[in-house]
Amino acid sequence: MSELRKGLEFYADNLFLDDGTPKMLNDRIYPIDIHSCAQAIITFCELADFEPKYLNMAKKVARWTISNMQDNKGYFYYRIYKNGKKDKTAYIRWGQAWMLRAISYLA
């Protein structure tokens, strides 16, 4: 279990900004991908029983994602680039399905 704890701590401490923004790599934020957002929510929710503080992290990532990557029509954008440009393509399999799954963990 200590390996899982170490990996989870590295993930939480190095791949997210304080506001819940998921980073592409530990030394690079952009591009921000909807799949990374969804996977973070799922991972933190799945491991919340192991370490309860990660449920709050899942909620923080979800709030950031909804505020920054969800269109007023309800779908989620594919990516945000360093220059602020948003690829607003709604990929069903890559983004929408994963975010539906992720948000269902928080319902």
N, C-alpha and C. Protein backbone atom coordinates (compact mmCIF):
# COMPACT_ATOMS: atom_id res chain seq x y z
N MET A 1 0.80 -1.20 0.00
CA MET A 1 0.00 0.00 0.00
C MET A 1 0.85 1.27 0.00
N SER A 2 2.05 1.19 0.52
CA SER A 2 2.86 2.41 0.55
C SER A 2 3.22 2.87 -0.86
N GLU A 3 3.34 1.93 -1.81
CA GLU A 3 3.62 2.32 -3.19
C GLU A 3 2.43 3.06 -3.79
N LEU A 4 1.22 2.56 -3.50
CA LEU A 4 0.02 3.24 -3.97
C LEU A 4 -0.07 4.63 -3.38
N ARG A 5 0.19 4.76 -2.10
CA ARG A 5 0.14 6.06 -1.43
C ARG A 5 1.16 7.01 -2.03
N LYS A 6 2.37 6.54 -2.28
CA LYS A 6 3.42 7.38 -2.87
C LYS A 6 3.01 7.84 -4.27
N GLY A 7 2.49 6.92 -5.06
CA GLY A 7 2.07 7.27 -6.41
C GLY A 7 0.93 8.27 -6.41
N LEU A 8 -0.03 8.06 -5.54
CA LEU A 8 -1.17 8.96 -5.44
C LEU A 8 -0.74 10.34 -4.95
N GLU A 9 0.16 10.38 -4.00
CA GLU A 9 0.66 11.67 -3.51
C GLU A 9 1.42 12.41 -4.61
N PHE A 10 2.24 11.68 -5.37
CA PHE A 10 2.96 12.33 -6.48
C PHE A 10 1.96 12.89 -7.49
N TYR A 11 0.97 12.09 -7.84
CA TYR A 11 -0.07 12.51 -8.80
C TYR A 11 -0.77 13.77 -8.31
N ALA A 12 -1.24 13.77 -7.09
CA ALA A 12 -1.98 14.92 -6.55
C ALA A 12 -1.09 16.15 -6.38
N ASP A 13 0.13 15.94 -5.93
CA ASP A 13 1.02 17.07 -5.62
C ASP A 13 1.70 17.67 -6.84
N ASN A 14 1.86 16.90 -7.90
CA ASN A 14 2.66 17.37 -9.04
C ASN A 14 1.89 17.57 -10.33
N LEU A 15 0.68 17.03 -10.44
CA LEU A 15 -0.04 17.10 -11.70
C LEU A 15 -1.32 17.94 -11.62
N PHE A 16 -1.41 18.79 -10.59
CA PHE A 16 -2.57 19.67 -10.43
C PHE A 16 -2.13 20.99 -9.83
N LEU A 17 -2.78 22.06 -10.27
CA LEU A 17 -2.58 23.35 -9.63
C LEU A 17 -3.48 23.42 -8.40
N ASP A 18 -3.26 24.41 -7.57
CA ASP A 18 -4.03 24.52 -6.32
C ASP A 18 -5.53 24.64 -6.54
N ASP A 19 -5.93 25.20 -7.68
CA ASP A 19 -7.37 25.37 -7.96
C ASP A 19 -8.02 24.14 -8.59
N GLY A 20 -7.25 23.07 -8.79
CA GLY A 20 -7.79 21.85 -9.38
C GLY A 20 -7.49 21.68 -10.85
N THR A 21 -6.80 22.63 -11.45
CA THR A 21 -6.43 22.53 -12.86
C THR A 21 -5.50 21.33 -13.06
N PRO A 22 -5.88 20.38 -13.93
CA PRO A 22 -4.97 19.26 -14.20
C PRO A 22 -3.86 19.68 -15.16
N LYS A 23 -2.65 19.28 -14.87
CA LYS A 23 -1.50 19.61 -15.71
C LYS A 23 -1.22 18.45 -16.68
N MET A 24 -0.70 18.78 -17.85
CA MET A 24 -0.35 17.77 -18.84
C MET A 24 0.80 16.89 -18.33
N LEU A 25 1.82 17.53 -17.78
CA LEU A 25 2.98 16.84 -17.20
C LEU A 25 3.34 17.56 -15.91
N ASN A 26 4.21 16.97 -15.11
CA ASN A 26 4.55 17.62 -13.85
C ASN A 26 5.26 18.96 -14.05
N ASP A 27 5.83 19.20 -15.22
CA ASP A 27 6.52 20.47 -15.48
C ASP A 27 5.85 21.29 -16.57
N ARG A 28 4.62 20.92 -16.95
CA ARG A 28 3.94 21.63 -18.04
C ARG A 28 2.43 21.54 -17.83
N ILE A 29 1.76 22.67 -17.94
CA ILE A 29 0.31 22.70 -17.75
C ILE A 29 -0.43 22.35 -19.04
N TYR A 30 -0.04 22.95 -20.13
CA TYR A 30 -0.82 22.86 -21.37
C TYR A 30 -0.28 21.83 -22.33
N PRO A 31 -1.18 21.31 -23.19
CA PRO A 31 -2.62 21.57 -23.27
C PRO A 31 -3.36 20.84 -22.15
N ILE A 32 -4.49 21.40 -21.75
CA ILE A 32 -5.35 20.76 -20.76
C ILE A 32 -6.40 19.98 -21.54
N ASP A 33 -6.47 18.71 -21.28
CA ASP A 33 -7.30 17.78 -22.04
C ASP A 33 -8.48 17.30 -21.19
N ILE A 34 -9.66 17.22 -21.77
CA ILE A 34 -10.84 16.80 -21.03
C ILE A 34 -10.70 15.38 -20.48
N HIS A 35 -9.99 14.55 -21.19
CA HIS A 35 -9.81 13.18 -20.71
C HIS A 35 -8.99 13.17 -19.43
N SER A 36 -8.01 14.04 -19.32
CA SER A 36 -7.22 14.15 -18.09
C SER A 36 -8.08 14.61 -16.93
N CYS A 37 -8.99 15.53 -17.20
CA CYS A 37 -9.91 16.00 -16.16
C CYS A 37 -10.78 14.85 -15.67
N ALA A 38 -11.38 14.14 -16.61
CA ALA A 38 -12.27 13.03 -16.25
C ALA A 38 -11.52 11.95 -15.50
N GLN A 39 -10.34 11.60 -15.98
CA GLN A 39 -9.57 10.54 -15.33
C GLN A 39 -9.19 10.93 -13.91
N ALA A 40 -8.87 12.20 -13.70
CA ALA A 40 -8.53 12.65 -12.35
C ALA A 40 -9.70 12.48 -11.40
N ILE A 41 -10.88 12.89 -11.84
CA ILE A 41 -12.07 12.76 -11.00
C ILE A 41 -12.32 11.29 -10.66
N ILE A 42 -12.24 10.44 -11.67
CA ILE A 42 -12.46 9.00 -11.47
C ILE A 42 -11.42 8.43 -10.51
N THR A 43 -10.16 8.74 -10.74
CA THR A 43 -9.07 8.21 -9.90
C THR A 43 -9.23 8.64 -8.45
N PHE A 44 -9.47 9.93 -8.24
CA PHE A 44 -9.60 10.41 -6.86
C PHE A 44 -10.84 9.84 -6.18
N CYS A 45 -11.92 9.68 -6.91
CA CYS A 45 -13.12 9.07 -6.32
C CYS A 45 -12.90 7.60 -6.00
N GLU A 46 -12.28 6.87 -6.91
CA GLU A 46 -12.01 5.44 -6.69
C GLU A 46 -11.13 5.22 -5.47
N LEU A 47 -10.22 6.15 -5.20
CA LEU A 47 -9.27 5.96 -4.11
C LEU A 47 -9.63 6.75 -2.85
N ALA A 48 -10.82 7.34 -2.83
CA ALA A 48 -11.24 8.11 -1.66
C ALA A 48 -11.42 7.23 -0.42
N ASP A 49 -11.79 5.96 -0.60
CA ASP A 49 -11.89 5.07 0.55
C ASP A 49 -10.51 4.78 1.13
N PHE A 50 -9.52 4.73 0.28
CA PHE A 50 -8.14 4.50 0.69
C PHE A 50 -7.59 5.73 1.42
N GLU A 51 -7.92 6.91 0.89
CA GLU A 51 -7.45 8.17 1.48
C GLU A 51 -8.56 9.20 1.30
N PRO A 52 -9.39 9.43 2.32
CA PRO A 52 -10.59 10.26 2.20
C PRO A 52 -10.38 11.68 1.67
N LYS A 53 -9.21 12.26 1.88
CA LYS A 53 -8.98 13.63 1.41
C LYS A 53 -9.08 13.75 -0.11
N TYR A 54 -8.95 12.65 -0.83
CA TYR A 54 -8.98 12.73 -2.28
C TYR A 54 -10.38 12.92 -2.85
N LEU A 55 -11.41 12.71 -2.07
CA LEU A 55 -12.75 13.04 -2.54
C LEU A 55 -12.87 14.55 -2.73
N ASN A 56 -12.29 15.32 -1.83
CA ASN A 56 -12.28 16.78 -1.99
C ASN A 56 -11.50 17.19 -3.23
N MET A 57 -10.42 16.48 -3.51
CA MET A 57 -9.64 16.77 -4.72
C MET A 57 -10.48 16.49 -5.96
N ALA A 58 -11.22 15.39 -5.97
CA ALA A 58 -12.10 15.07 -7.10
C ALA A 58 -13.11 16.18 -7.31
N LYS A 59 -13.68 16.67 -6.23
CA LYS A 59 -14.66 17.75 -6.33
C LYS A 59 -14.03 19.04 -6.84
N LYS A 60 -12.81 19.31 -6.41
CA LYS A 60 -12.10 20.51 -6.87
C LYS A 60 -11.83 20.45 -8.37
N VAL A 61 -11.37 19.29 -8.84
CA VAL A 61 -11.12 19.11 -10.28
C VAL A 61 -12.43 19.22 -11.05
N ALA A 62 -13.50 18.64 -10.53
CA ALA A 62 -14.81 18.71 -11.19
C ALA A 62 -15.29 20.16 -11.29
N ARG A 63 -15.15 20.93 -10.21
CA ARG A 63 -15.57 22.34 -10.25
C ARG A 63 -14.77 23.11 -11.28
N TRP A 64 -13.45 22.90 -11.30
CA TRP A 64 -12.62 23.59 -12.27
C TRP A 64 -13.03 23.22 -13.70
N THR A 65 -13.24 21.93 -13.92
CA THR A 65 -13.60 21.44 -15.26
C THR A 65 -14.93 22.01 -15.72
N ILE A 66 -15.91 22.00 -14.86
CA ILE A 66 -17.22 22.54 -15.22
C ILE A 66 -17.12 24.04 -15.49
N SER A 67 -16.36 24.76 -14.70
CA SER A 67 -16.21 26.21 -14.89
C SER A 67 -15.42 26.58 -16.14
N ASN A 68 -14.46 25.75 -16.52
CA ASN A 68 -13.54 26.13 -17.59
C ASN A 68 -13.68 25.33 -18.88
N MET A 69 -14.31 24.16 -18.82
CA MET A 69 -14.34 23.31 -20.01
C MET A 69 -15.74 22.85 -20.41
N GLN A 70 -16.75 23.35 -19.73
CA GLN A 70 -18.11 22.96 -20.11
C GLN A 70 -18.80 24.12 -20.82
N ASP A 71 -19.40 23.80 -21.96
CA ASP A 71 -20.14 24.78 -22.73
C ASP A 71 -21.50 25.03 -22.08
N ASN A 72 -22.09 26.18 -22.35
CA ASN A 72 -23.43 26.48 -21.84
C ASN A 72 -24.47 25.47 -22.30
N LYS A 73 -24.19 24.79 -23.41
CA LYS A 73 -25.12 23.77 -23.92
C LYS A 73 -24.98 22.45 -23.16
N GLY A 74 -23.95 22.32 -22.34
CA GLY A 74 -23.79 21.13 -21.52
C GLY A 74 -22.62 20.23 -21.87
N TYR A 75 -22.15 20.29 -23.10
CA TYR A 75 -21.04 19.40 -23.49
C TYR A 75 -19.71 19.97 -23.01
N PHE A 76 -18.68 19.13 -23.01
CA PHE A 76 -17.36 19.52 -22.55
C PHE A 76 -16.41 19.71 -23.74
N TYR A 77 -15.57 20.73 -23.64
CA TYR A 77 -14.58 21.01 -24.67
C TYR A 77 -13.47 19.97 -24.63
N TYR A 78 -12.83 19.81 -25.78
CA TYR A 78 -11.76 18.82 -25.90
C TYR A 78 -10.47 19.27 -25.21
N ARG A 79 -10.03 20.51 -25.51
CA ARG A 79 -8.74 20.98 -24.98
C ARG A 79 -8.70 22.48 -24.81
N ILE A 80 -7.82 22.89 -23.90
CA ILE A 80 -7.44 24.30 -23.76
C ILE A 80 -5.94 24.37 -24.00
N TYR A 81 -5.53 25.30 -24.89
CA TYR A 81 -4.12 25.45 -25.23
C TYR A 81 -3.49 26.62 -24.47
N LYS A 82 -2.17 26.67 -24.49
CA LYS A 82 -1.41 27.68 -23.74
C LYS A 82 -1.83 29.10 -24.09
N ASN A 83 -2.17 29.34 -25.34
CA ASN A 83 -2.56 30.68 -25.77
C ASN A 83 -4.00 31.03 -25.38
N GLY A 84 -4.67 30.12 -24.66
CA GLY A 84 -6.04 30.36 -24.23
C GLY A 84 -7.09 29.85 -25.19
N LYS A 85 -6.66 29.45 -26.39
CA LYS A 85 -7.60 28.92 -27.37
C LYS A 85 -8.21 27.63 -26.86
N LYS A 86 -9.51 27.50 -27.09
CA LYS A 86 -10.22 26.28 -26.68
C LYS A 86 -10.68 25.54 -27.92
N ASP A 87 -10.36 24.26 -27.96
CA ASP A 87 -10.90 23.38 -28.99
C ASP A 87 -12.23 22.89 -28.44
N LYS A 88 -13.32 23.42 -29.00
CA LYS A 88 -14.65 23.16 -28.46
C LYS A 88 -15.31 21.93 -29.08
N THR A 89 -14.51 21.10 -29.73
CA THR A 89 -15.05 19.87 -30.31
C THR A 89 -15.57 18.96 -29.19
N ALA A 90 -16.74 18.40 -29.40
CA ALA A 90 -17.36 17.51 -28.40
C ALA A 90 -17.19 16.07 -28.84
N TYR A 91 -16.04 15.50 -28.55
CA TYR A 91 -15.80 14.11 -28.91
C TYR A 91 -16.58 13.20 -27.97
N ILE A 92 -17.47 12.42 -28.52
CA ILE A 92 -18.35 11.57 -27.71
C ILE A 92 -17.54 10.56 -26.90
N ARG A 93 -16.67 9.81 -27.55
CA ARG A 93 -15.93 8.75 -26.86
C ARG A 93 -14.80 9.31 -26.01
N TRP A 94 -14.07 10.31 -26.50
CA TRP A 94 -12.89 10.78 -25.80
C TRP A 94 -13.22 11.69 -24.63
N GLY A 95 -14.24 12.52 -24.75
CA GLY A 95 -14.51 13.49 -23.70
C GLY A 95 -15.85 13.33 -23.01
N GLN A 96 -16.91 13.30 -23.80
CA GLN A 96 -18.25 13.31 -23.22
C GLN A 96 -18.53 12.06 -22.38
N ALA A 97 -18.21 10.91 -22.91
CA ALA A 97 -18.47 9.66 -22.19
C ALA A 97 -17.66 9.59 -20.90
N TRP A 98 -16.41 9.99 -20.96
CA TRP A 98 -15.56 9.94 -19.78
C TRP A 98 -16.02 10.94 -18.72
N MET A 99 -16.46 12.12 -19.15
CA MET A 99 -16.95 13.09 -18.17
C MET A 99 -18.29 12.64 -17.57
N LEU A 100 -19.13 11.99 -18.36
CA LEU A 100 -20.36 11.44 -17.80
C LEU A 100 -20.03 10.42 -16.72
N ARG A 101 -19.10 9.54 -17.03
CA ARG A 101 -18.68 8.55 -16.04
C ARG A 101 -18.10 9.24 -14.80
N ALA A 102 -17.23 10.22 -15.01
CA ALA A 102 -16.58 10.91 -13.89
C ALA A 102 -17.60 11.61 -12.99
N ILE A 103 -18.51 12.33 -13.59
CA ILE A 103 -19.49 13.08 -12.81
C ILE A 103 -20.43 12.14 -12.08
N SER A 104 -20.67 10.96 -12.65
CA SER A 104 -21.57 10.01 -11.98
C SER A 104 -20.99 9.55 -10.64
N TYR A 105 -19.68 9.60 -10.49
CA TYR A 105 -19.05 9.24 -9.21
C TYR A 105 -19.41 10.26 -8.13
N LEU A 106 -19.69 11.48 -8.54
CA LEU A 106 -19.94 12.55 -7.57
C LEU A 106 -21.43 12.76 -7.31
N ALA A 107 -22.28 12.05 -8.02
CA ALA A 107 -23.73 12.24 -7.87
C ALA A 107 -24.23 11.60 -6.59
